[in-house]
Amino acid sequence: MKAHYLGHVVFYVRDLTVSGAFYRDLLGFSEVGSWPGRAMALTAGRTHHEILLIEVGDAPGPPHNHRLGLYHIGIKVGDSLDELRAVRDELTAAGVPIEGMSDHTVTQSLYLRDPDGNEVELYVDADPAIWKDDPGAVMAAIKPLQL
């Protein structure tokens, strides 16, 4: 397996409006999609999103049970489902448990934990025309992925 690049970072944030303004208005990222009051995707233009913000309020605790800060990193590992299958097989052979698989419309992803328990998403991009023609596709409903 070969990492192509670090694709995105996902943060749990207390207040989406405040954090969104910081990354969008101060740092200059462009908002490409959102679920108002829940999540916002931002890009610097290189790819469909480099930052995803998910509002959890005054976490930890109900209803979210998440901590504020880093949720996971996304690492691009290829451009096709065949490459993602090869990554899955390599992880399985190395004894690394795969915790989940998702189709995010703009990406297809495997989820696992690093040795310290941090969540890592390994993904391949879908056809770039999907997000270039409709940047909001990054906020499409998550579907199960069968490899």
C-alpha atoms as a PDB file:
ATOM      1  CA  MET A   1       0.000   0.000   0.000  1.00  0.00           C
ATOM      2  CA  LYS A   2       1.183   3.520  -0.750  1.00  0.00           C
ATOM      3  CA  ALA A   3      -0.332   6.646   0.760  1.00  0.00           C
ATOM      4  CA  HIS A   4      -0.971   9.230  -1.972  1.00  0.00           C
ATOM      5  CA  TYR A   5      -1.483  12.127   0.449  1.00  0.00           C
ATOM      6  CA  LEU A   6      -3.235  13.231   3.615  1.00  0.00           C
ATOM      7  CA  GLY A   7      -6.678  14.027   2.245  1.00  0.00           C
ATOM      8  CA  HIS A   8      -8.655  15.519   5.103  1.00  0.00           C
ATOM      9  CA  VAL A   9      -8.976  16.088   8.815  1.00  0.00           C
ATOM     10  CA  VAL A  10     -12.264  15.805  10.724  1.00  0.00           C
ATOM     11  CA  PHE A  11     -12.791  17.792  13.911  1.00  0.00           C
ATOM     12  CA  TYR A  12     -15.511  17.594  16.548  1.00  0.00           C
ATOM     13  CA  VAL A  13     -16.300  21.229  17.394  1.00  0.00           C
ATOM     14  CA  ARG A  14     -18.335  22.925  20.097  1.00  0.00           C
ATOM     15  CA  ASP A  15     -19.971  25.566  17.869  1.00  0.00           C
ATOM     16  CA  LEU A  16     -20.187  25.058  14.103  1.00  0.00           C
ATOM     17  CA  THR A  17     -20.842  28.742  13.426  1.00  0.00           C
ATOM     18  CA  VAL A  18     -17.747  29.874  15.320  1.00  0.00           C
ATOM     19  CA  SER A  19     -15.454  27.138  13.963  1.00  0.00           C
ATOM     20  CA  GLY A  20     -16.824  27.517  10.444  1.00  0.00           C
ATOM     21  CA  ALA A  21     -16.117  31.254  10.514  1.00  0.00           C
ATOM     22  CA  PHE A  22     -12.555  30.585  11.712  1.00  0.00           C
ATOM     23  CA  TYR A  23     -11.682  28.144   8.923  1.00  0.00           C
ATOM     24  CA  ARG A  24     -13.751  29.841   6.204  1.00  0.00           C
ATOM     25  CA  ASP A  25     -13.553  33.551   6.913  1.00  0.00           C
ATOM     26  CA  LEU A  26     -10.199  33.848   8.689  1.00  0.00           C
ATOM     27  CA  LEU A  27      -8.110  31.050   7.139  1.00  0.00           C
ATOM     28  CA  GLY A  28      -9.711  31.289   3.693  1.00  0.00           C
ATOM     29  CA  PHE A  29     -11.157  27.818   3.105  1.00  0.00           C
ATOM     30  CA  SER A  30     -14.294  27.655   0.928  1.00  0.00           C
ATOM     31  CA  GLU A  31     -17.441  26.025   2.284  1.00  0.00           C
ATOM     32  CA  VAL A  32     -18.550  23.287  -0.139  1.00  0.00           C
ATOM     33  CA  GLY A  33     -21.464  21.842   1.774  1.00  0.00           C
ATOM     34  CA  SER A  34     -23.151  21.654   5.118  1.00  0.00           C
ATOM     35  CA  TRP A  35     -25.834  20.111   7.241  1.00  0.00           C
ATOM     36  CA  PRO A  36     -26.895  23.292   9.062  1.00  0.00           C
ATOM     37  CA  GLY A  37     -26.201  23.069  12.773  1.00  0.00           C
ATOM     38  CA  ARG A  38     -24.528  19.648  12.348  1.00  0.00           C
ATOM     39  CA  ALA A  39     -21.572  19.643   9.935  1.00  0.00           C
ATOM     40  CA  MET A  40     -19.635  21.720   7.410  1.00  0.00           C
ATOM     41  CA  ALA A  41     -17.166  20.650   4.702  1.00  0.00           C
ATOM     42  CA  LEU A  42     -14.456  23.058   3.560  1.00  0.00           C
ATOM     43  CA  THR A  43     -11.804  22.998   0.849  1.00  0.00           C
ATOM     44  CA  ALA A  44      -8.792  24.994  -0.241  1.00  0.00           C
ATOM     45  CA  GLY A  45      -9.544  23.828  -3.784  1.00  0.00           C
ATOM     46  CA  ARG A  46      -7.215  20.823  -4.053  1.00  0.00           C
ATOM     47  CA  THR A  47      -9.898  18.210  -3.480  1.00  0.00           C
ATOM     48  CA  HIS A  48     -13.532  17.746  -2.435  1.00  0.00           C
ATOM     49  CA  HIS A  49     -12.761  18.643   1.194  1.00  0.00           C
ATOM     50  CA  GLU A  50      -9.718  19.044   3.373  1.00  0.00           C
ATOM     51  CA  ILE A  51     -11.607  19.825   6.579  1.00  0.00           C
ATOM     52  CA  LEU A  52     -14.888  18.494   7.934  1.00  0.00           C
ATOM     53  CA  LEU A  53     -16.329  20.084  11.081  1.00  0.00           C
ATOM     54  CA  ILE A  54     -18.937  18.186  13.126  1.00  0.00           C
ATOM     55  CA  GLU A  55     -20.736  20.055  15.892  1.00  0.00           C
ATOM     56  CA  VAL A  56     -20.992  18.135  19.176  1.00  0.00           C
ATOM     57  CA  GLY A  57     -21.713  20.990  21.583  1.00  0.00           C
ATOM     58  CA  ASP A  58     -20.232  20.767  25.049  1.00  0.00           C
ATOM     59  CA  ALA A  59     -18.902  17.221  24.610  1.00  0.00           C
ATOM     60  CA  PRO A  60     -18.216  14.821  26.191  1.00  0.00           C
ATOM     61  CA  GLY A  61     -21.563  13.599  27.331  1.00  0.00           C
ATOM     62  CA  PRO A  62     -25.016  12.953  25.934  1.00  0.00           C
ATOM     63  CA  PRO A  63     -26.245  13.040  23.299  1.00  0.00           C
ATOM     64  CA  HIS A  64     -22.975  12.743  21.358  1.00  0.00           C
ATOM     65  CA  ASN A  65     -20.448  11.137  23.722  1.00  0.00           C
ATOM     66  CA  HIS A  66     -17.603  12.581  21.608  1.00  0.00           C
ATOM     67  CA  ARG A  67     -14.646  14.591  22.767  1.00  0.00           C
ATOM     68  CA  LEU A  68     -13.819  17.935  21.220  1.00  0.00           C
ATOM     69  CA  GLY A  69     -10.895  17.911  18.811  1.00  0.00           C
ATOM     70  CA  LEU A  70      -9.606  15.431  16.288  1.00  0.00           C
ATOM     71  CA  TYR A  71     -12.096  12.772  15.141  1.00  0.00           C
ATOM     72  CA  HIS A  72     -10.051  11.138  12.377  1.00  0.00           C
ATOM     73  CA  ILE A  73      -7.682  11.683   9.486  1.00  0.00           C
ATOM     74  CA  GLY A  74      -8.356  10.564   5.926  1.00  0.00           C
ATOM     75  CA  ILE A  75      -5.514   9.204   3.800  1.00  0.00           C
ATOM     76  CA  LYS A  76      -5.963   8.707   0.066  1.00  0.00           C
ATOM     77  CA  VAL A  77      -4.610   5.295  -0.960  1.00  0.00           C
ATOM     78  CA  GLY A  78      -5.758   5.041  -4.569  1.00  0.00           C
ATOM     79  CA  ASP A  79      -8.248   5.844  -7.280  1.00  0.00           C
ATOM     80  CA  SER A  80     -10.253   2.641  -7.699  1.00  0.00           C
ATOM     81  CA  LEU A  81     -12.222   0.059  -5.770  1.00  0.00           C
ATOM     82  CA  ASP A  82      -9.697  -2.550  -6.910  1.00  0.00           C
ATOM     83  CA  GLU A  83      -6.970  -0.565  -5.125  1.00  0.00           C
ATOM     84  CA  LEU A  84      -9.162  -0.313  -2.020  1.00  0.00           C
ATOM     85  CA  ARG A  85      -9.738  -4.089  -2.110  1.00  0.00           C
ATOM     86  CA  ALA A  86      -5.958  -4.603  -2.278  1.00  0.00           C
ATOM     87  CA  VAL A  87      -5.531  -2.311   0.760  1.00  0.00           C
ATOM     88  CA  ARG A  88      -8.240  -4.264   2.624  1.00  0.00           C
ATOM     89  CA  ASP A  89      -6.461  -7.520   1.816  1.00  0.00           C
ATOM     90  CA  GLU A  90      -3.100  -6.132   2.947  1.00  0.00           C
ATOM     91  CA  LEU A  91      -4.577  -4.930   6.240  1.00  0.00           C
ATOM     92  CA  THR A  92      -6.279  -8.276   6.811  1.00  0.00           C
ATOM     93  CA  ALA A  93      -3.030 -10.157   6.098  1.00  0.00           C
ATOM     94  CA  ALA A  94      -1.253  -7.903   8.610  1.00  0.00           C
ATOM     95  CA  GLY A  95      -3.897  -8.648  11.260  1.00  0.00           C
ATOM     96  CA  VAL A  96      -5.269  -5.094  11.350  1.00  0.00           C
ATOM     97  CA  PRO A  97      -9.012  -5.126  12.090  1.00  0.00           C
ATOM     98  CA  ILE A  98     -11.205  -3.083   9.765  1.00  0.00           C
ATOM     99  CA  GLU A  99     -13.839  -1.331  11.879  1.00  0.00           C
ATOM    100  CA  GLY A 100     -16.026  -0.090   9.043  1.00  0.00           C
ATOM    101  CA  MET A 101     -16.502   0.495   5.335  1.00  0.00           C
ATOM    102  CA  SER A 102     -18.490   3.387   3.851  1.00  0.00           C
ATOM    103  CA  ASP A 103     -19.494   4.839   0.502  1.00  0.00           C
ATOM    104  CA  HIS A 104     -19.435   8.636   0.859  1.00  0.00           C
ATOM    105  CA  THR A 105     -20.377   9.294  -2.813  1.00  0.00           C
ATOM    106  CA  VAL A 106     -17.152  11.273  -3.395  1.00  0.00           C
ATOM    107  CA  THR A 107     -14.996   8.598  -1.710  1.00  0.00           C
ATOM    108  CA  GLN A 108     -15.154   4.965  -0.683  1.00  0.00           C
ATOM    109  CA  SER A 109     -13.488   4.254   2.632  1.00  0.00           C
ATOM    110  CA  LEU A 110     -12.130   1.741   5.119  1.00  0.00           C
ATOM    111  CA  TYR A 111     -11.864   2.652   8.811  1.00  0.00           C
ATOM    112  CA  LEU A 112      -9.298   1.294  11.256  1.00  0.00           C
ATOM    113  CA  ARG A 113      -7.318   2.312  14.348  1.00  0.00           C
ATOM    114  CA  ASP A 114      -3.639   3.092  14.578  1.00  0.00           C
ATOM    115  CA  PRO A 115      -1.610   1.458  17.396  1.00  0.00           C
ATOM    116  CA  ASP A 116      -2.647   4.240  19.801  1.00  0.00           C
ATOM    117  CA  GLY A 117      -6.349   3.967  19.028  1.00  0.00           C
ATOM    118  CA  ASN A 118      -6.654   6.971  16.703  1.00  0.00           C
ATOM    119  CA  GLU A 119      -9.189   6.493  13.918  1.00  0.00           C
ATOM    120  CA  VAL A 120      -7.767   6.410  10.391  1.00  0.00           C
ATOM    121  CA  GLU A 121      -9.806   6.473   7.191  1.00  0.00           C
ATOM    122  CA  LEU A 122      -8.146   4.981   4.103  1.00  0.00           C
ATOM    123  CA  TYR A 123     -10.007   5.996   0.975  1.00  0.00           C
ATOM    124  CA  VAL A 124     -10.139   6.099  -2.798  1.00  0.00           C
ATOM    125  CA  ASP A 125     -11.766   8.933  -4.694  1.00  0.00           C
ATOM    126  CA  ALA A 126     -14.807   8.380  -6.842  1.00  0.00           C
ATOM    127  CA  ASP A 127     -14.930  10.062 -10.252  1.00  0.00           C
ATOM    128  CA  PRO A 128     -13.732  13.648  -9.600  1.00  0.00           C
ATOM    129  CA  ALA A 129     -16.502  14.977 -11.856  1.00  0.00           C
ATOM    130  CA  ILE A 130     -18.954  14.104  -9.063  1.00  0.00           C
ATOM    131  CA  TRP A 131     -17.588  16.728  -6.680  1.00  0.00           C
ATOM    132  CA  LYS A 132     -16.296  19.149  -9.320  1.00  0.00           C
ATOM    133  CA  ASP A 133     -19.782  19.352 -10.887  1.00  0.00           C
ATOM    134  CA  ASP A 134     -21.540  19.322  -7.492  1.00  0.00           C
ATOM    135  CA  PRO A 135     -19.255  20.343  -4.589  1.00  0.00           C
ATOM    136  CA  GLY A 136     -22.146  19.748  -2.180  1.00  0.00           C
ATOM    137  CA  ALA A 137     -21.943  16.007  -2.979  1.00  0.00           C
ATOM    138  CA  VAL A 138     -19.380  15.804  -0.182  1.00  0.00           C
ATOM    139  CA  MET A 139     -22.346  16.036   2.199  1.00  0.00           C
ATOM    140  CA  ALA A 140     -24.303  13.164   0.591  1.00  0.00           C
ATOM    141  CA  ALA A 141     -25.804  10.512   2.841  1.00  0.00           C
ATOM    142  CA  ILE A 142     -23.341   7.796   3.881  1.00  0.00           C
ATOM    143  CA  LYS A 143     -24.068   4.370   2.383  1.00  0.00           C
ATOM    144  CA  PRO A 144     -22.691   0.949   3.304  1.00  0.00           C
ATOM    145  CA  LEU A 145     -19.783  -0.229   1.174  1.00  0.00           C
ATOM    146  CA  GLN A 146     -19.460  -3.825   0.058  1.00  0.00           C
ATOM    147  CA  LEU A 147     -16.045  -4.799  -1.283  1.00  0.00           C
END
